[in-house]
Amino acid sequence: MTIISRTDTAQRNAWNAAFHELDLPWFWDVGCDLPDPGAERGCVRDYLTRHHGHLLTAYDADFLVDAILAAKERCEAECLAAGGDPGMAIDWRALRQPQIGI
């Protein structure tokens, strides 16, 4: 059995909230290693290059990395400021489901 810490869950929520906010169809699940603090910039750049290189034909890598990191930090701060439980797991995949409507 894998035990996931509250810190890991909070960080994963912040990353996935940032991806959701930026309308990126990415989801880092429990099996995905999170970047170490201080190595986030390089990790995100590597992830972009390896898995979403097509985005780098339209956007500058530094621009995308900066946008993702800023959104992640803002999402984390907003959750804490609102008194949210940063250790509560959020089903980001369910939020990604297509909306039905006119």
N, C-alpha and C. Protein backbone atom coordinates (compact mmCIF):
# COMPACT_ATOMS: atom_id res chain seq x y z
N MET A 1 0.84 -1.17 0.00
CA MET A 1 0.00 0.00 0.00
C MET A 1 0.89 1.24 0.00
N THR A 2 0.56 2.20 -0.86
CA THR A 2 1.30 3.45 -0.93
C THR A 2 0.62 4.49 -0.05
N ILE A 3 1.40 5.13 0.78
CA ILE A 3 0.87 6.19 1.64
C ILE A 3 1.28 7.52 1.03
N ILE A 4 0.29 8.36 0.77
CA ILE A 4 0.53 9.67 0.17
C ILE A 4 0.43 10.72 1.28
N SER A 5 1.46 11.53 1.41
CA SER A 5 1.45 12.55 2.47
C SER A 5 0.53 13.71 2.10
N ARG A 6 0.13 14.45 3.11
CA ARG A 6 -0.71 15.63 2.89
C ARG A 6 0.03 16.66 2.06
N THR A 7 1.34 16.76 2.26
CA THR A 7 2.14 17.72 1.49
C THR A 7 2.14 17.34 0.02
N ASP A 8 2.34 16.05 -0.28
CA ASP A 8 2.30 15.60 -1.67
C ASP A 8 0.93 15.86 -2.30
N THR A 9 -0.12 15.59 -1.54
CA THR A 9 -1.47 15.82 -2.06
C THR A 9 -1.70 17.30 -2.32
N ALA A 10 -1.26 18.16 -1.41
CA ALA A 10 -1.41 19.60 -1.60
C ALA A 10 -0.64 20.07 -2.83
N GLN A 11 0.58 19.58 -3.00
CA GLN A 11 1.38 19.97 -4.16
C GLN A 11 0.74 19.46 -5.45
N ARG A 12 0.29 18.22 -5.44
CA ARG A 12 -0.36 17.65 -6.63
C ARG A 12 -1.61 18.45 -6.98
N ASN A 13 -2.40 18.81 -5.97
CA ASN A 13 -3.59 19.63 -6.22
C ASN A 13 -3.20 20.98 -6.85
N ALA A 14 -2.14 21.59 -6.35
CA ALA A 14 -1.72 22.89 -6.88
C ALA A 14 -1.27 22.76 -8.34
N TRP A 15 -0.50 21.71 -8.65
CA TRP A 15 -0.08 21.50 -10.04
C TRP A 15 -1.29 21.28 -10.94
N ASN A 16 -2.18 20.38 -10.53
CA ASN A 16 -3.33 20.06 -11.37
C ASN A 16 -4.29 21.22 -11.49
N ALA A 17 -4.41 22.04 -10.44
CA ALA A 17 -5.23 23.24 -10.52
C ALA A 17 -4.65 24.22 -11.53
N ALA A 18 -3.33 24.35 -11.54
CA ALA A 18 -2.67 25.23 -12.51
C ALA A 18 -2.90 24.75 -13.93
N PHE A 19 -2.76 23.44 -14.15
CA PHE A 19 -3.00 22.91 -15.49
C PHE A 19 -4.45 23.16 -15.91
N HIS A 20 -5.38 22.94 -14.97
CA HIS A 20 -6.80 23.16 -15.25
C HIS A 20 -7.06 24.64 -15.58
N GLU A 21 -6.50 25.53 -14.77
CA GLU A 21 -6.68 26.97 -14.96
C GLU A 21 -6.16 27.43 -16.32
N LEU A 22 -5.05 26.86 -16.75
CA LEU A 22 -4.43 27.23 -18.02
C LEU A 22 -5.01 26.44 -19.19
N ASP A 23 -6.02 25.63 -18.91
CA ASP A 23 -6.70 24.81 -19.93
C ASP A 23 -5.73 23.85 -20.62
N LEU A 24 -4.78 23.35 -19.84
CA LEU A 24 -3.87 22.33 -20.35
C LEU A 24 -4.44 20.97 -19.96
N PRO A 25 -4.59 20.06 -20.89
CA PRO A 25 -5.21 18.77 -20.58
C PRO A 25 -4.24 17.80 -19.90
N TRP A 26 -3.54 18.26 -18.89
CA TRP A 26 -2.56 17.46 -18.17
C TRP A 26 -3.11 17.12 -16.81
N PHE A 27 -2.65 16.00 -16.30
CA PHE A 27 -3.04 15.58 -14.96
C PHE A 27 -1.89 14.77 -14.39
N TRP A 28 -1.35 15.20 -13.28
CA TRP A 28 -0.29 14.46 -12.61
C TRP A 28 -0.93 13.65 -11.50
N ASP A 29 -1.02 12.33 -11.71
CA ASP A 29 -1.68 11.48 -10.72
C ASP A 29 -0.69 11.00 -9.67
N VAL A 30 -1.16 10.14 -8.80
CA VAL A 30 -0.37 9.68 -7.67
C VAL A 30 0.89 8.94 -8.13
N GLY A 31 0.86 8.31 -9.28
CA GLY A 31 2.02 7.58 -9.77
C GLY A 31 3.10 8.47 -10.35
N CYS A 32 2.81 9.74 -10.51
CA CYS A 32 3.75 10.69 -11.11
C CYS A 32 4.59 11.33 -10.00
N ASP A 33 5.91 11.26 -10.18
CA ASP A 33 6.79 11.92 -9.21
C ASP A 33 6.67 13.43 -9.36
N LEU A 34 6.49 14.10 -8.24
CA LEU A 34 6.42 15.55 -8.26
C LEU A 34 7.83 16.14 -8.27
N PRO A 35 7.99 17.30 -8.88
CA PRO A 35 9.32 17.92 -8.88
C PRO A 35 9.73 18.37 -7.49
N ASP A 36 11.00 18.25 -7.21
CA ASP A 36 11.54 18.74 -5.94
C ASP A 36 11.53 20.26 -5.96
N PRO A 37 11.24 20.88 -4.81
CA PRO A 37 11.33 22.34 -4.75
C PRO A 37 12.73 22.77 -5.19
N GLY A 38 12.79 23.79 -6.00
CA GLY A 38 14.06 24.26 -6.52
C GLY A 38 14.39 23.65 -7.87
N ALA A 39 13.74 22.55 -8.21
CA ALA A 39 13.97 21.89 -9.50
C ALA A 39 12.72 21.95 -10.38
N GLU A 40 11.72 22.69 -9.91
CA GLU A 40 10.44 22.73 -10.63
C GLU A 40 10.59 23.26 -12.05
N ARG A 41 11.35 24.33 -12.21
CA ARG A 41 11.52 24.97 -13.52
C ARG A 41 12.06 23.97 -14.54
N GLY A 42 13.12 23.26 -14.19
CA GLY A 42 13.71 22.28 -15.08
C GLY A 42 12.79 21.11 -15.34
N CYS A 43 12.07 20.69 -14.31
CA CYS A 43 11.15 19.57 -14.45
C CYS A 43 10.03 19.91 -15.43
N VAL A 44 9.44 21.10 -15.27
CA VAL A 44 8.35 21.50 -16.17
C VAL A 44 8.87 21.64 -17.60
N ARG A 45 10.04 22.21 -17.76
CA ARG A 45 10.63 22.35 -19.10
C ARG A 45 10.85 20.96 -19.72
N ASP A 46 11.39 20.04 -18.96
CA ASP A 46 11.62 18.68 -19.46
C ASP A 46 10.29 18.00 -19.83
N TYR A 47 9.28 18.19 -18.98
CA TYR A 47 7.96 17.61 -19.24
C TYR A 47 7.39 18.16 -20.55
N LEU A 48 7.51 19.47 -20.73
CA LEU A 48 7.05 20.08 -21.98
C LEU A 48 7.78 19.49 -23.18
N THR A 49 9.06 19.39 -23.09
CA THR A 49 9.87 18.90 -24.21
C THR A 49 9.55 17.45 -24.53
N ARG A 50 9.46 16.62 -23.51
CA ARG A 50 9.24 15.18 -23.73
C ARG A 50 7.82 14.83 -24.12
N HIS A 51 6.83 15.52 -23.53
CA HIS A 51 5.44 15.10 -23.71
C HIS A 51 4.57 16.06 -24.52
N HIS A 52 5.00 17.31 -24.66
CA HIS A 52 4.16 18.31 -25.33
C HIS A 52 5.00 19.25 -26.18
N GLY A 53 5.95 18.68 -26.91
CA GLY A 53 6.84 19.47 -27.74
C GLY A 53 6.12 20.32 -28.77
N HIS A 54 4.92 19.89 -29.17
CA HIS A 54 4.15 20.67 -30.14
C HIS A 54 3.84 22.07 -29.62
N LEU A 55 3.71 22.23 -28.32
CA LEU A 55 3.44 23.55 -27.75
C LEU A 55 4.62 24.49 -27.94
N LEU A 56 5.81 23.92 -28.02
CA LEU A 56 7.01 24.74 -28.16
C LEU A 56 7.19 25.28 -29.57
N THR A 57 6.37 24.82 -30.50
CA THR A 57 6.40 25.41 -31.84
C THR A 57 5.58 26.70 -31.88
N ALA A 58 4.69 26.85 -30.92
CA ALA A 58 3.83 28.05 -30.88
C ALA A 58 4.20 29.00 -29.74
N TYR A 59 4.78 28.48 -28.67
CA TYR A 59 5.08 29.29 -27.49
C TYR A 59 6.54 29.14 -27.10
N ASP A 60 7.10 30.19 -26.55
CA ASP A 60 8.44 30.15 -25.99
C ASP A 60 8.41 29.29 -24.71
N ALA A 61 9.39 28.43 -24.56
CA ALA A 61 9.43 27.53 -23.41
C ALA A 61 9.44 28.29 -22.09
N ASP A 62 10.22 29.36 -21.99
CA ASP A 62 10.27 30.13 -20.73
C ASP A 62 8.91 30.75 -20.42
N PHE A 63 8.21 31.22 -21.46
CA PHE A 63 6.88 31.79 -21.25
C PHE A 63 5.94 30.75 -20.65
N LEU A 64 5.92 29.54 -21.22
CA LEU A 64 5.05 28.49 -20.71
C LEU A 64 5.43 28.07 -19.30
N VAL A 65 6.70 27.89 -19.07
CA VAL A 65 7.16 27.49 -17.73
C VAL A 65 6.77 28.55 -16.70
N ASP A 66 7.01 29.82 -17.03
CA ASP A 66 6.65 30.91 -16.11
C ASP A 66 5.15 30.93 -15.83
N ALA A 67 4.33 30.74 -16.86
CA ALA A 67 2.88 30.75 -16.70
C ALA A 67 2.42 29.60 -15.81
N ILE A 68 2.97 28.42 -16.03
CA ILE A 68 2.59 27.25 -15.24
C ILE A 68 3.02 27.41 -13.78
N LEU A 69 4.24 27.85 -13.55
CA LEU A 69 4.71 28.01 -12.17
C LEU A 69 3.95 29.11 -11.44
N ALA A 70 3.65 30.20 -12.12
CA ALA A 70 2.89 31.29 -11.49
C ALA A 70 1.49 30.81 -11.13
N ALA A 71 0.85 30.08 -12.02
CA ALA A 71 -0.50 29.57 -11.75
C ALA A 71 -0.47 28.57 -10.60
N LYS A 72 0.55 27.71 -10.57
CA LYS A 72 0.66 26.72 -9.49
C LYS A 72 0.82 27.42 -8.13
N GLU A 73 1.68 28.41 -8.07
CA GLU A 73 1.89 29.14 -6.81
C GLU A 73 0.63 29.89 -6.39
N ARG A 74 -0.06 30.50 -7.34
CA ARG A 74 -1.29 31.24 -7.04
C ARG A 74 -2.38 30.28 -6.55
N CYS A 75 -2.53 29.14 -7.20
CA CYS A 75 -3.56 28.18 -6.80
C CYS A 75 -3.30 27.66 -5.39
N GLU A 76 -2.05 27.38 -5.10
CA GLU A 76 -1.68 26.90 -3.76
C GLU A 76 -1.96 27.97 -2.71
N ALA A 77 -1.59 29.21 -2.98
CA ALA A 77 -1.81 30.31 -2.03
C ALA A 77 -3.29 30.57 -1.82
N GLU A 78 -4.08 30.51 -2.89
CA GLU A 78 -5.51 30.77 -2.77
C GLU A 78 -6.20 29.69 -1.95
N CYS A 79 -5.79 28.44 -2.12
CA CYS A 79 -6.37 27.36 -1.33
C CYS A 79 -6.09 27.57 0.15
N LEU A 80 -4.85 27.90 0.47
CA LEU A 80 -4.48 28.13 1.87
C LEU A 80 -5.18 29.35 2.45
N ALA A 81 -5.26 30.44 1.67
CA ALA A 81 -5.89 31.67 2.14
C ALA A 81 -7.39 31.48 2.38
N ALA A 82 -8.01 30.61 1.61
CA ALA A 82 -9.44 30.37 1.76
C ALA A 82 -9.75 29.40 2.89
N GLY A 83 -8.70 28.91 3.53
CA GLY A 83 -8.90 27.99 4.64
C GLY A 83 -9.16 26.57 4.18
N GLY A 84 -8.89 26.30 2.91
CA GLY A 84 -9.09 24.96 2.37
C GLY A 84 -8.10 23.98 2.96
N ASP A 85 -8.48 22.75 2.94
CA ASP A 85 -7.61 21.68 3.42
C ASP A 85 -6.66 21.31 2.29
N PRO A 86 -5.39 21.72 2.37
CA PRO A 86 -4.46 21.46 1.28
C PRO A 86 -4.18 19.98 1.08
N GLY A 87 -4.53 19.17 2.06
CA GLY A 87 -4.29 17.74 1.95
C GLY A 87 -5.47 16.97 1.39
N MET A 88 -6.55 17.67 1.08
CA MET A 88 -7.73 17.01 0.53
C MET A 88 -7.51 16.72 -0.95
N ALA A 89 -7.69 15.50 -1.34
CA ALA A 89 -7.53 15.13 -2.75
C ALA A 89 -8.71 15.65 -3.55
N ILE A 90 -8.42 16.23 -4.70
CA ILE A 90 -9.44 16.74 -5.62
C ILE A 90 -9.40 15.88 -6.87
N ASP A 91 -10.56 15.50 -7.37
CA ASP A 91 -10.64 14.68 -8.58
C ASP A 91 -10.59 15.60 -9.80
N TRP A 92 -9.37 15.96 -10.21
CA TRP A 92 -9.20 16.90 -11.33
C TRP A 92 -9.64 16.29 -12.64
N ARG A 93 -9.56 14.99 -12.75
CA ARG A 93 -10.02 14.34 -13.99
C ARG A 93 -11.51 14.54 -14.18
N ALA A 94 -12.28 14.48 -13.11
CA ALA A 94 -13.72 14.68 -13.21
C ALA A 94 -14.03 16.11 -13.66
N LEU A 95 -13.23 17.06 -13.21
CA LEU A 95 -13.43 18.44 -13.63
C LEU A 95 -13.11 18.65 -15.10
N ARG A 96 -12.33 17.76 -15.67
CA ARG A 96 -11.92 17.86 -17.06
C ARG A 96 -12.98 17.28 -18.01
N GLN A 97 -14.01 16.64 -17.48
CA GLN A 97 -15.02 16.04 -18.33
C GLN A 97 -15.69 17.11 -19.18
N PRO A 98 -16.02 16.77 -20.44
CA PRO A 98 -16.66 17.76 -21.31
C PRO A 98 -18.00 18.22 -20.74
N GLN A 99 -18.26 19.47 -20.91
CA GLN A 99 -19.51 20.04 -20.42
C GLN A 99 -20.61 19.87 -21.49
N ILE A 100 -21.79 19.58 -21.03
CA ILE A 100 -22.93 19.46 -21.94
C ILE A 100 -23.74 20.75 -21.82
N GLY A 101 -24.11 21.31 -22.91
CA GLY A 101 -24.91 22.53 -22.87
C GLY A 101 -24.93 23.19 -24.23
N ILE A 102 -25.61 24.28 -24.25
CA ILE A 102 -25.75 25.03 -25.51
C ILE A 102 -24.70 26.10 -25.58
